[in-house]
Amino acid sequence: MWQNIIIWLIIATAAFFIGRRIFRQWRAAVRPGAAIACGCGCAGCDSICDNRKHPESRN
């Protein structure tokens, strides 16, 4: 009985963290002023992406 409770707690914790991550990604995508575009990592993207990561510009 207590083994089942531990398993369900582990599953619930994992579901919580996965859900939180999905929610944060969704919230960042629908935030006003956010551009939804490709991540510039695909080889099939013909357009020039302005959202490139510039590691040298980090402070």
Foldseek 3Di string as FASTA:
>chain_A
DVVVVVVVVVVVVVVVVVVVVVVVVVCQCPPPPHDDDDQPPDPPDPDDDPPDDDVVPDD
